[in-house]
Amino acid sequence: MNIGLDMMGGDFAPLEAVKGLKQFLSVNTNAANIYCIGDEALVKPLLEEYQVASPILHFVHAPEVIGYHEHPTKALKEKQKSSIAIGFHLLATGKIDAFISAGNTGAMLVGAMFVIKPIEGLLRPCVSGVVPKSNGETGLILDVGLNADCKPEQLNQFAVLGSLYAQSILHVANPKVGLLNVGEEEGKGNLLAQATFPLLKENNQINFVGNMEGRDIFGPKADVIVCDGFTGNIILKMAESVYDLAELRNFSSDEYFNRFHYEIYGGSPVLGVAKPVIVGHGISSAKAFNNMLELAVQMVETDVCSKMAESFKEA
């Protein structure tokens, strides 16, 4: 197993990427070969300073970096020697099995869609977010930002992607799927929700439990919550602010509130593309990088992307 890690992505890169790599190696000595992609002059001194060395580490020099304010498509095309462009090249050519970056989110999504490409039969990939549930379990919400405007057929496909991810990565045997709406009754909501409901109801690949309201998000009603990316992104950012509020009110030592912090889930996988691509938060710390590496290993070990592709072939 080979995992590619963008050492230059994130506000605090490459330092936090190096520290996160050290955390990962302290526990996972043989889990995967890690390909560190970054500027040799900046990264190697830090690897030496923090005594990060292992036979499973391999360095790939990338002299260029795609900044946060650069146009994603233009930057990927013009900066072929950037850490993100090289990472996607390695992933597309089979040199690595998964790619992680906390760099330019737009460039990561463009690379996932046009270099790795969506699985056959999928209308659009999506990005999922983790939902800490009140009963201690972990749920999933998708999309959380890649598709601001959606069609009913897309939400129906997101439900399948989310169910397979919940089974493989969250270890939920028969995930309950809910459609986020303004009421529980069938026929409620805007045109998108009304048209999506019957598709989910008739989809025999999922365990659809009906509509769910905002008050149900953190409860046990559903393991997978389906919505458009506009709504999902607002909910994701609101959930992150819950941790900030808890920290401000000195509740941040609470085990439940801690699960809202971005570091705990590390990064968000792009679901529906042929290979594992994980997008990290721009302010990713060492802990977040460590958790992204662990998630990448899980996704490769469970072969979740192939399961998704096979599911759409069968459909």
C-alpha atoms as a PDB file:
ATOM      1  CA  MET A   1       0.000   0.000   0.000  1.00  0.00           C
ATOM      2  CA  ASN A   2       1.339   3.415  -0.990  1.00  0.00           C
ATOM      3  CA  ILE A   3      -0.042   6.711   0.363  1.00  0.00           C
ATOM      4  CA  GLY A   4       0.865  10.120  -1.062  1.00  0.00           C
ATOM      5  CA  LEU A   5       1.035  13.032   1.393  1.00  0.00           C
ATOM      6  CA  ASP A   6       1.243  16.650   0.224  1.00  0.00           C
ATOM      7  CA  MET A   7       3.785  18.145   2.625  1.00  0.00           C
ATOM      8  CA  MET A   8       3.163  21.687   1.338  1.00  0.00           C
ATOM      9  CA  GLY A   9      -0.618  21.882   1.812  1.00  0.00           C
ATOM     10  CA  GLY A  10      -2.074  23.834   4.725  1.00  0.00           C
ATOM     11  CA  ASP A  11      -1.504  27.105   6.550  1.00  0.00           C
ATOM     12  CA  PHE A  12       1.083  25.508   8.820  1.00  0.00           C
ATOM     13  CA  ALA A  13       2.820  23.291   6.265  1.00  0.00           C
ATOM     14  CA  PRO A  14       5.268  21.738   6.052  1.00  0.00           C
ATOM     15  CA  LEU A  15       5.851  21.774   9.840  1.00  0.00           C
ATOM     16  CA  GLU A  16       2.483  20.303  10.903  1.00  0.00           C
ATOM     17  CA  ALA A  17       2.615  17.739   8.089  1.00  0.00           C
ATOM     18  CA  VAL A  18       6.003  16.574   9.402  1.00  0.00           C
ATOM     19  CA  LYS A  19       4.743  16.411  12.992  1.00  0.00           C
ATOM     20  CA  GLY A  20       1.607  14.542  11.895  1.00  0.00           C
ATOM     21  CA  LEU A  21       3.733  12.094   9.949  1.00  0.00           C
ATOM     22  CA  LYS A  22       5.798  11.467  13.083  1.00  0.00           C
ATOM     23  CA  GLN A  23       2.623  10.736  15.072  1.00  0.00           C
ATOM     24  CA  PHE A  24       1.426   8.307  12.431  1.00  0.00           C
ATOM     25  CA  LEU A  25       4.767   6.449  12.262  1.00  0.00           C
ATOM     26  CA  SER A  26       4.914   6.106  16.051  1.00  0.00           C
ATOM     27  CA  VAL A  27       1.937   3.724  15.854  1.00  0.00           C
ATOM     28  CA  ASN A  28       1.849   2.528  12.246  1.00  0.00           C
ATOM     29  CA  THR A  29       5.286   1.138  11.495  1.00  0.00           C
ATOM     30  CA  ASN A  30       4.281  -1.094   8.578  1.00  0.00           C
ATOM     31  CA  ALA A  31       0.813   0.128   7.580  1.00  0.00           C
ATOM     32  CA  ALA A  32       1.865   1.698   4.282  1.00  0.00           C
ATOM     33  CA  ASN A  33       4.653   3.246   2.277  1.00  0.00           C
ATOM     34  CA  ILE A  34       4.342   7.019   2.604  1.00  0.00           C
ATOM     35  CA  TYR A  35       5.405   9.210  -0.301  1.00  0.00           C
ATOM     36  CA  CYS A  36       6.165  12.689   1.018  1.00  0.00           C
ATOM     37  CA  ILE A  37       5.612  15.195  -1.797  1.00  0.00           C
ATOM     38  CA  GLY A  38       7.115  18.628  -1.289  1.00  0.00           C
ATOM     39  CA  ASP A  39       9.975  21.074  -1.595  1.00  0.00           C
ATOM     40  CA  GLU A  40      13.110  19.204  -0.584  1.00  0.00           C
ATOM     41  CA  ALA A  41      14.836  22.354   0.724  1.00  0.00           C
ATOM     42  CA  LEU A  42      11.956  23.055   3.130  1.00  0.00           C
ATOM     43  CA  VAL A  43      10.822  19.588   4.156  1.00  0.00           C
ATOM     44  CA  LYS A  44      13.998  17.537   4.583  1.00  0.00           C
ATOM     45  CA  PRO A  45      15.520  19.780   7.296  1.00  0.00           C
ATOM     46  CA  LEU A  46      12.291  19.429   9.297  1.00  0.00           C
ATOM     47  CA  LEU A  47      12.292  15.648   8.871  1.00  0.00           C
ATOM     48  CA  GLU A  48      15.814  15.616  10.264  1.00  0.00           C
ATOM     49  CA  GLU A  49      15.015  18.064  13.074  1.00  0.00           C
ATOM     50  CA  TYR A  50      12.035  16.005  14.266  1.00  0.00           C
ATOM     51  CA  GLN A  51      13.865  12.722  13.667  1.00  0.00           C
ATOM     52  CA  VAL A  52      11.272  11.422  11.231  1.00  0.00           C
ATOM     53  CA  ALA A  53      12.935   8.528   9.451  1.00  0.00           C
ATOM     54  CA  SER A  54      11.692   5.126   8.374  1.00  0.00           C
ATOM     55  CA  PRO A  55      12.248   2.577   5.594  1.00  0.00           C
ATOM     56  CA  ILE A  56       8.606   3.133   4.560  1.00  0.00           C
ATOM     57  CA  LEU A  57       9.188   6.859   3.873  1.00  0.00           C
ATOM     58  CA  HIS A  58       9.962   8.015   0.341  1.00  0.00           C
ATOM     59  CA  PHE A  59      10.527  11.603  -0.760  1.00  0.00           C
ATOM     60  CA  VAL A  60       9.261  13.132  -4.014  1.00  0.00           C
ATOM     61  CA  HIS A  61      10.608  16.601  -4.774  1.00  0.00           C
ATOM     62  CA  ALA A  62       7.991  19.192  -5.769  1.00  0.00           C
ATOM     63  CA  PRO A  63       9.486  22.673  -6.170  1.00  0.00           C
ATOM     64  CA  GLU A  64       6.143  24.439  -6.754  1.00  0.00           C
ATOM     65  CA  VAL A  65       3.129  25.097  -4.517  1.00  0.00           C
ATOM     66  CA  ILE A  66      -0.442  25.978  -5.511  1.00  0.00           C
ATOM     67  CA  GLY A  67      -1.539  28.855  -3.275  1.00  0.00           C
ATOM     68  CA  TYR A  68      -4.981  29.185  -1.729  1.00  0.00           C
ATOM     69  CA  HIS A  69      -5.983  32.143  -3.872  1.00  0.00           C
ATOM     70  CA  GLU A  70      -4.914  30.694  -7.220  1.00  0.00           C
ATOM     71  CA  HIS A  71      -7.474  29.583  -9.791  1.00  0.00           C
ATOM     72  CA  PRO A  72      -7.643  25.776  -9.370  1.00  0.00           C
ATOM     73  CA  THR A  73      -7.827  24.690 -13.015  1.00  0.00           C
ATOM     74  CA  LYS A  74      -5.299  27.268 -14.215  1.00  0.00           C
ATOM     75  CA  ALA A  75      -2.859  26.453 -11.403  1.00  0.00           C
ATOM     76  CA  LEU A  76      -3.034  22.694 -11.964  1.00  0.00           C
ATOM     77  CA  LYS A  77      -2.369  23.190 -15.665  1.00  0.00           C
ATOM     78  CA  GLU A  78       0.475  25.671 -15.267  1.00  0.00           C
ATOM     79  CA  LYS A  79       2.146  24.286 -12.130  1.00  0.00           C
ATOM     80  CA  GLN A  80       2.891  20.732 -13.204  1.00  0.00           C
ATOM     81  CA  LYS A  81       5.720  20.557 -10.629  1.00  0.00           C
ATOM     82  CA  SER A  82       3.495  21.514  -7.707  1.00  0.00           C
ATOM     83  CA  SER A  83       2.916  19.072  -4.861  1.00  0.00           C
ATOM     84  CA  ILE A  84      -0.786  18.698  -5.737  1.00  0.00           C
ATOM     85  CA  ALA A  85      -0.179  18.140  -9.473  1.00  0.00           C
ATOM     86  CA  ILE A  86       2.571  15.597  -8.783  1.00  0.00           C
ATOM     87  CA  GLY A  87       0.373  13.852  -6.210  1.00  0.00           C
ATOM     88  CA  PHE A  88      -2.451  13.398  -8.695  1.00  0.00           C
ATOM     89  CA  HIS A  89      -0.007  12.212 -11.359  1.00  0.00           C
ATOM     90  CA  LEU A  90       1.319   9.545  -8.982  1.00  0.00           C
ATOM     91  CA  LEU A  91      -2.240   8.513  -8.092  1.00  0.00           C
ATOM     92  CA  ALA A  92      -3.401   8.376 -11.718  1.00  0.00           C
ATOM     93  CA  THR A  93      -0.393   6.293 -12.794  1.00  0.00           C
ATOM     94  CA  GLY A  94      -0.732   3.803  -9.937  1.00  0.00           C
ATOM     95  CA  LYS A  95       2.432   4.827  -8.082  1.00  0.00           C
ATOM     96  CA  ILE A  96       0.326   5.593  -5.010  1.00  0.00           C
ATOM     97  CA  ASP A  97      -3.051   4.220  -3.892  1.00  0.00           C
ATOM     98  CA  ALA A  98      -4.397   7.323  -2.105  1.00  0.00           C
ATOM     99  CA  PHE A  99      -3.584  11.028  -2.016  1.00  0.00           C
ATOM    100  CA  ILE A 100      -3.928  13.479   0.898  1.00  0.00           C
ATOM    101  CA  SER A 101      -3.630  17.263   0.894  1.00  0.00           C
ATOM    102  CA  ALA A 102      -4.697  20.183   3.070  1.00  0.00           C
ATOM    103  CA  GLY A 103      -3.819  22.563   0.239  1.00  0.00           C
ATOM    104  CA  ASN A 104      -5.979  24.444  -2.260  1.00  0.00           C
ATOM    105  CA  THR A 105      -9.393  22.770  -1.954  1.00  0.00           C
ATOM    106  CA  GLY A 106     -10.470  23.790  -5.441  1.00  0.00           C
ATOM    107  CA  ALA A 107      -7.336  22.281  -6.980  1.00  0.00           C
ATOM    108  CA  MET A 108      -7.919  19.060  -5.044  1.00  0.00           C
ATOM    109  CA  LEU A 109     -11.501  18.800  -6.289  1.00  0.00           C
ATOM    110  CA  VAL A 110     -10.539  19.639  -9.872  1.00  0.00           C
ATOM    111  CA  GLY A 111      -7.783  17.027  -9.754  1.00  0.00           C
ATOM    112  CA  ALA A 112     -10.125  14.415  -8.319  1.00  0.00           C
ATOM    113  CA  MET A 113     -12.716  15.032 -11.022  1.00  0.00           C
ATOM    114  CA  PHE A 114     -10.554  15.495 -14.101  1.00  0.00           C
ATOM    115  CA  VAL A 115      -7.348  13.561 -13.365  1.00  0.00           C
ATOM    116  CA  ILE A 116      -8.715  10.616 -11.375  1.00  0.00           C
ATOM    117  CA  LYS A 117     -12.278  10.987 -12.767  1.00  0.00           C
ATOM    118  CA  PRO A 118     -15.661   9.927 -11.337  1.00  0.00           C
ATOM    119  CA  ILE A 119     -16.600   6.261 -11.336  1.00  0.00           C
ATOM    120  CA  GLU A 120     -18.591   5.093 -14.337  1.00  0.00           C
ATOM    121  CA  GLY A 121     -22.302   5.846 -14.083  1.00  0.00           C
ATOM    122  CA  LEU A 122     -21.935   8.557 -11.446  1.00  0.00           C
ATOM    123  CA  LEU A 123     -23.323  11.976 -12.305  1.00  0.00           C
ATOM    124  CA  ARG A 124     -21.174  13.932  -9.839  1.00  0.00           C
ATOM    125  CA  PRO A 125     -18.833  13.054  -6.969  1.00  0.00           C
ATOM    126  CA  CYS A 126     -19.430  14.638  -3.572  1.00  0.00           C
ATOM    127  CA  VAL A 127     -17.637  15.458  -0.348  1.00  0.00           C
ATOM    128  CA  SER A 128     -18.774  13.940   2.926  1.00  0.00           C
ATOM    129  CA  GLY A 129     -18.580  15.264   6.462  1.00  0.00           C
ATOM    130  CA  VAL A 130     -18.613  13.501   9.816  1.00  0.00           C
ATOM    131  CA  VAL A 131     -21.543  13.996  12.205  1.00  0.00           C
ATOM    132  CA  PRO A 132     -20.954  13.179  15.913  1.00  0.00           C
ATOM    133  CA  LYS A 133     -24.162  11.611  17.205  1.00  0.00           C
ATOM    134  CA  SER A 134     -25.604  12.002  20.694  1.00  0.00           C
ATOM    135  CA  ASN A 135     -25.491   8.232  21.322  1.00  0.00           C
ATOM    136  CA  GLY A 136     -21.720   8.108  20.781  1.00  0.00           C
ATOM    137  CA  GLU A 137     -21.900   6.772  17.237  1.00  0.00           C
ATOM    138  CA  THR A 138     -20.672   8.569  14.127  1.00  0.00           C
ATOM    139  CA  GLY A 139     -22.846   9.632  11.228  1.00  0.00           C
ATOM    140  CA  LEU A 140     -22.201  11.041   7.784  1.00  0.00           C
ATOM    141  CA  ILE A 141     -23.594  13.997   5.846  1.00  0.00           C
ATOM    142  CA  LEU A 142     -23.171  14.540   2.114  1.00  0.00           C
ATOM    143  CA  ASP A 143     -22.739  16.622   0.091  1.00  0.00           C
ATOM    144  CA  VAL A 144     -20.976  19.293   2.177  1.00  0.00           C
ATOM    145  CA  GLY A 145     -19.885  21.703  -0.513  1.00  0.00           C
ATOM    146  CA  LEU A 146     -18.868  20.266  -3.858  1.00  0.00           C
ATOM    147  CA  ASN A 147     -22.330  20.566  -5.446  1.00  0.00           C
ATOM    148  CA  ALA A 148     -24.198  23.685  -4.330  1.00  0.00           C
ATOM    149  CA  ASP A 149     -27.044  22.944  -6.758  1.00  0.00           C
ATOM    150  CA  CYS A 150     -28.190  19.348  -7.114  1.00  0.00           C
ATOM    151  CA  LYS A 151     -30.667  17.250  -9.044  1.00  0.00           C
ATOM    152  CA  PRO A 152     -32.765  14.512  -7.415  1.00  0.00           C
ATOM    153  CA  GLU A 153     -30.797  11.813  -9.271  1.00  0.00           C
ATOM    154  CA  GLN A 154     -27.585  13.137  -7.746  1.00  0.00           C
ATOM    155  CA  LEU A 155     -28.926  13.009  -4.196  1.00  0.00           C
ATOM    156  CA  ASN A 156     -30.074   9.460  -4.874  1.00  0.00           C
ATOM    157  CA  GLN A 157     -26.524   8.523  -5.885  1.00  0.00           C
ATOM    158  CA  PHE A 158     -25.055  10.340  -2.866  1.00  0.00           C
ATOM    159  CA  ALA A 159     -27.192   8.076  -0.670  1.00  0.00           C
ATOM    160  CA  VAL A 160     -25.579   4.987  -2.217  1.00  0.00           C
ATOM    161  CA  LEU A 161     -22.071   6.431  -1.836  1.00  0.00           C
ATOM    162  CA  GLY A 162     -22.736   7.391   1.776  1.00  0.00           C
ATOM    163  CA  SER A 163     -24.165   3.973   2.644  1.00  0.00           C
ATOM    164  CA  LEU A 164     -21.161   2.138   1.233  1.00  0.00           C
ATOM    165  CA  TYR A 165     -18.739   4.488   2.983  1.00  0.00           C
ATOM    166  CA  ALA A 166     -20.593   4.088   6.306  1.00  0.00           C
ATOM    167  CA  GLN A 167     -20.431   0.304   5.964  1.00  0.00           C
ATOM    168  CA  SER A 168     -16.734   0.153   5.046  1.00  0.00           C
ATOM    169  CA  ILE A 169     -15.215   2.960   7.133  1.00  0.00           C
ATOM    170  CA  LEU A 170     -17.684   3.643   9.968  1.00  0.00           C
ATOM    171  CA  HIS A 171     -18.535  -0.079  10.365  1.00  0.00           C
ATOM    172  CA  VAL A 172     -22.301   0.412  10.301  1.00  0.00           C
ATOM    173  CA  ALA A 173     -23.851  -2.850   9.121  1.00  0.00           C
ATOM    174  CA  ASN A 174     -27.062  -1.480   7.609  1.00  0.00           C
ATOM    175  CA  PRO A 175     -26.830   2.331   7.525  1.00  0.00           C
ATOM    176  CA  LYS A 176     -30.068   4.253   7.886  1.00  0.00           C
ATOM    177  CA  VAL A 177     -30.380   6.965   5.227  1.00  0.00           C
ATOM    178  CA  GLY A 178     -32.368  10.142   5.843  1.00  0.00           C
ATOM    179  CA  LEU A 179     -33.247  13.010   3.521  1.00  0.00           C
ATOM    180  CA  LEU A 180     -32.735  16.395   5.179  1.00  0.00           C
ATOM    181  CA  ASN A 181     -35.965  18.354   4.927  1.00  0.00           C
ATOM    182  CA  VAL A 182     -38.196  20.892   6.679  1.00  0.00           C
ATOM    183  CA  GLY A 183     -40.678  18.240   7.830  1.00  0.00           C
ATOM    184  CA  GLU A 184     -40.966  14.482   8.317  1.00  0.00           C
ATOM    185  CA  GLU A 185     -43.990  13.855   6.121  1.00  0.00           C
ATOM    186  CA  GLU A 186     -43.643  12.734   2.518  1.00  0.00           C
ATOM    187  CA  GLY A 187     -44.370  15.615   0.181  1.00  0.00           C
ATOM    188  CA  LYS A 188     -42.712  18.210   2.412  1.00  0.00           C
ATOM    189  CA  GLY A 189     -39.959  20.561   1.335  1.00  0.00           C
ATOM    190  CA  ASN A 190     -38.802  22.331  -1.798  1.00  0.00           C
ATOM    191  CA  LEU A 191     -38.974  20.892  -5.308  1.00  0.00           C
ATOM    192  CA  LEU A 192     -35.627  19.111  -4.905  1.00  0.00           C
ATOM    193  CA  ALA A 193     -36.655  17.348  -1.696  1.00  0.00           C
ATOM    194  CA  GLN A 194     -40.086  16.427  -3.059  1.00  0.00           C
ATOM    195  CA  ALA A 195     -38.586  14.897  -6.209  1.00  0.00           C
ATOM    196  CA  THR A 196     -35.784  13.106  -4.328  1.00  0.00           C
ATOM    197  CA  PHE A 197     -38.006  11.369  -1.763  1.00  0.00           C
ATOM    198  CA  PRO A 198     -39.617   8.818  -4.145  1.00  0.00           C
ATOM    199  CA  LEU A 199     -36.226   7.987  -5.685  1.00  0.00           C
ATOM    200  CA  LEU A 200     -34.745   7.182  -2.276  1.00  0.00           C
ATOM    201  CA  LYS A 201     -37.884   5.285  -1.287  1.00  0.00           C
ATOM    202  CA  GLU A 202     -37.590   3.028  -4.340  1.00  0.00           C
ATOM    203  CA  ASN A 203     -33.804   2.573  -4.099  1.00  0.00           C
ATOM    204  CA  ASN A 204     -33.211  -1.017  -2.942  1.00  0.00           C
ATOM    205  CA  GLN A 205     -29.479  -0.360  -2.435  1.00  0.00           C
ATOM    206  CA  ILE A 206     -30.114   1.728   0.675  1.00  0.00           C
ATOM    207  CA  ASN A 207     -32.034   1.579   3.947  1.00  0.00           C
ATOM    208  CA  PHE A 208     -34.130   4.725   3.560  1.00  0.00           C
ATOM    209  CA  VAL A 209     -35.878   5.908   6.744  1.00  0.00           C
ATOM    210  CA  GLY A 210     -37.586   8.988   5.296  1.00  0.00           C
ATOM    211  CA  ASN A 211     -37.290  12.706   5.842  1.00  0.00           C
ATOM    212  CA  MET A 212     -35.442  14.140   8.806  1.00  0.00           C
ATOM    213  CA  GLU A 213     -35.433  17.643  10.211  1.00  0.00           C
ATOM    214  CA  GLY A 214     -32.561  19.780  11.456  1.00  0.00           C
ATOM    215  CA  ARG A 215     -33.254  18.721  15.048  1.00  0.00           C
ATOM    216  CA  ASP A 216     -32.565  15.094  14.056  1.00  0.00           C
ATOM    217  CA  ILE A 217     -29.055  15.681  12.679  1.00  0.00           C
ATOM    218  CA  PHE A 218     -27.160  14.772  15.854  1.00  0.00           C
ATOM    219  CA  GLY A 219     -29.624  12.099  16.956  1.00  0.00           C
ATOM    220  CA  PRO A 220     -29.906   8.384  16.142  1.00  0.00           C
ATOM    221  CA  LYS A 221     -32.543   8.617  13.397  1.00  0.00           C
ATOM    222  CA  ALA A 222     -30.113   8.294  10.470  1.00  0.00           C
ATOM    223  CA  ASP A 223     -26.514   7.197   9.915  1.00  0.00           C
ATOM    224  CA  VAL A 224     -26.287   8.901   6.514  1.00  0.00           C
ATOM    225  CA  ILE A 225     -27.847  12.317   5.881  1.00  0.00           C
ATOM    226  CA  VAL A 226     -28.375  13.360   2.264  1.00  0.00           C
ATOM    227  CA  CYS A 227     -28.659  16.992   1.144  1.00  0.00           C
ATOM    228  CA  ASP A 228     -27.359  19.426  -1.461  1.00  0.00           C
ATOM    229  CA  GLY A 229     -23.870  20.869  -1.007  1.00  0.00           C
ATOM    230  CA  PHE A 230     -25.137  24.367  -0.175  1.00  0.00           C
ATOM    231  CA  THR A 231     -27.149  23.129   2.801  1.00  0.00           C
ATOM    232  CA  GLY A 232     -24.524  20.588   3.843  1.00  0.00           C
ATOM    233  CA  ASN A 233     -21.720  23.136   3.913  1.00  0.00           C
ATOM    234  CA  ILE A 234     -23.720  25.458   6.152  1.00  0.00           C
ATOM    235  CA  ILE A 235     -24.397  22.585   8.556  1.00  0.00           C
ATOM    236  CA  LEU A 236     -20.738  21.509   8.531  1.00  0.00           C
ATOM    237  CA  LYS A 237     -19.502  25.021   9.332  1.00  0.00           C
ATOM    238  CA  MET A 238     -22.179  25.407  12.004  1.00  0.00           C
ATOM    239  CA  ALA A 239     -21.070  22.140  13.595  1.00  0.00           C
ATOM    240  CA  GLU A 240     -17.459  23.325  13.641  1.00  0.00           C
ATOM    241  CA  SER A 241     -18.578  26.523  15.361  1.00  0.00           C
ATOM    242  CA  VAL A 242     -20.196  24.404  18.100  1.00  0.00           C
ATOM    243  CA  TYR A 243     -16.699  23.339  19.156  1.00  0.00           C
ATOM    244  CA  ASP A 244     -15.518  26.954  19.165  1.00  0.00           C
ATOM    245  CA  LEU A 245     -18.478  27.887  21.355  1.00  0.00           C
ATOM    246  CA  ALA A 246     -17.838  24.944  23.669  1.00  0.00           C
ATOM    247  CA  GLU A 247     -14.196  25.969  23.968  1.00  0.00           C
ATOM    248  CA  LEU A 248     -15.198  29.549  24.737  1.00  0.00           C
ATOM    249  CA  ARG A 249     -17.555  28.312  27.482  1.00  0.00           C
ATOM    250  CA  ASN A 250     -14.929  25.891  28.844  1.00  0.00           C
ATOM    251  CA  PHE A 251     -16.822  22.810  27.657  1.00  0.00           C
ATOM    252  CA  SER A 252     -14.106  21.760  25.201  1.00  0.00           C
ATOM    253  CA  SER A 253     -12.848  19.041  27.561  1.00  0.00           C
ATOM    254  CA  ASP A 254     -16.192  17.306  27.114  1.00  0.00           C
ATOM    255  CA  GLU A 255     -15.778  14.095  25.097  1.00  0.00           C
ATOM    256  CA  TYR A 256     -18.841  14.742  22.947  1.00  0.00           C
ATOM    257  CA  PHE A 257     -18.031  18.359  22.086  1.00  0.00           C
ATOM    258  CA  ASN A 258     -14.449  17.389  21.234  1.00  0.00           C
ATOM    259  CA  ARG A 259     -15.770  15.281  18.362  1.00  0.00           C
ATOM    260  CA  PHE A 260     -16.883  18.448  16.561  1.00  0.00           C
ATOM    261  CA  HIS A 261     -13.302  19.617  16.157  1.00  0.00           C
ATOM    262  CA  TYR A 262     -11.862  19.294  12.654  1.00  0.00           C
ATOM    263  CA  GLU A 263      -8.747  17.563  14.016  1.00  0.00           C
ATOM    264  CA  ILE A 264     -10.732  14.506  15.086  1.00  0.00           C
ATOM    265  CA  TYR A 265     -11.970  13.577  11.609  1.00  0.00           C
ATOM    266  CA  GLY A 266      -8.820  14.934   9.940  1.00  0.00           C
ATOM    267  CA  GLY A 267     -10.074  15.385   6.398  1.00  0.00           C
ATOM    268  CA  SER A 268     -13.017  14.846   4.083  1.00  0.00           C
ATOM    269  CA  PRO A 269     -12.931  12.127   1.422  1.00  0.00           C
ATOM    270  CA  VAL A 270     -14.116  12.889  -2.094  1.00  0.00           C
ATOM    271  CA  LEU A 271     -16.649  10.115  -2.695  1.00  0.00           C
ATOM    272  CA  GLY A 272     -17.442   8.865  -6.171  1.00  0.00           C
ATOM    273  CA  VAL A 273     -13.999   9.093  -7.763  1.00  0.00           C
ATOM    274  CA  ALA A 274     -11.984   6.036  -8.782  1.00  0.00           C
ATOM    275  CA  LYS A 275      -9.323   6.281  -6.057  1.00  0.00           C
ATOM    276  CA  PRO A 276      -9.124   7.660  -2.496  1.00  0.00           C
ATOM    277  CA  VAL A 277      -8.645  11.425  -2.385  1.00  0.00           C
ATOM    278  CA  ILE A 278      -8.770  13.137   1.025  1.00  0.00           C
ATOM    279  CA  VAL A 279      -9.052  16.903   1.419  1.00  0.00           C
ATOM    280  CA  GLY A 280      -7.848  18.395   4.680  1.00  0.00           C
ATOM    281  CA  HIS A 281      -8.791  21.628   6.452  1.00  0.00           C
ATOM    282  CA  GLY A 282      -6.557  24.570   5.594  1.00  0.00           C
ATOM    283  CA  ILE A 283      -5.590  24.966   9.255  1.00  0.00           C
ATOM    284  CA  SER A 284      -4.774  21.272   9.676  1.00  0.00           C
ATOM    285  CA  SER A 285      -2.532  20.487  12.630  1.00  0.00           C
ATOM    286  CA  ALA A 286      -0.324  17.471  13.273  1.00  0.00           C
ATOM    287  CA  LYS A 287      -3.265  15.527  14.716  1.00  0.00           C
ATOM    288  CA  ALA A 288      -5.356  16.213  11.627  1.00  0.00           C
ATOM    289  CA  PHE A 289      -2.568  15.010   9.308  1.00  0.00           C
ATOM    290  CA  ASN A 290      -2.178  11.864  11.404  1.00  0.00           C
ATOM    291  CA  ASN A 291      -5.918  11.146  11.198  1.00  0.00           C
ATOM    292  CA  MET A 292      -5.954  11.765   7.443  1.00  0.00           C
ATOM    293  CA  LEU A 293      -3.195   9.192   7.015  1.00  0.00           C
ATOM    294  CA  GLU A 294      -5.138   6.685   9.102  1.00  0.00           C
ATOM    295  CA  LEU A 295      -8.288   7.325   7.049  1.00  0.00           C
ATOM    296  CA  ALA A 296      -6.345   6.822   3.805  1.00  0.00           C
ATOM    297  CA  VAL A 297      -5.084   3.453   5.062  1.00  0.00           C
ATOM    298  CA  GLN A 298      -8.656   2.436   5.958  1.00  0.00           C
ATOM    299  CA  MET A 299      -9.990   3.440   2.556  1.00  0.00           C
ATOM    300  CA  VAL A 300      -7.306   1.452   0.734  1.00  0.00           C
ATOM    301  CA  GLU A 301      -7.605  -1.587   3.017  1.00  0.00           C
ATOM    302  CA  THR A 302     -11.392  -1.772   2.644  1.00  0.00           C
ATOM    303  CA  ASP A 303     -11.189  -1.032  -1.107  1.00  0.00           C
ATOM    304  CA  VAL A 304     -14.200   1.222  -0.646  1.00  0.00           C
ATOM    305  CA  CYS A 305     -13.765   3.032  -3.986  1.00  0.00           C
ATOM    306  CA  SER A 306     -13.948  -0.250  -5.905  1.00  0.00           C
ATOM    307  CA  LYS A 307     -17.054  -1.238  -3.938  1.00  0.00           C
ATOM    308  CA  MET A 308     -18.689   2.018  -4.988  1.00  0.00           C
ATOM    309  CA  ALA A 309     -17.732   1.501  -8.620  1.00  0.00           C
ATOM    310  CA  GLU A 310     -19.077  -2.065  -8.544  1.00  0.00           C
ATOM    311  CA  SER A 311     -22.319  -0.872  -6.974  1.00  0.00           C
ATOM    312  CA  PHE A 312     -22.962   1.556  -9.837  1.00  0.00           C
ATOM    313  CA  LYS A 313     -22.135  -1.114 -12.406  1.00  0.00           C
ATOM    314  CA  GLU A 314     -24.742  -3.398 -10.845  1.00  0.00           C
ATOM    315  CA  ALA A 315     -27.268  -0.550 -10.786  1.00  0.00           C
END
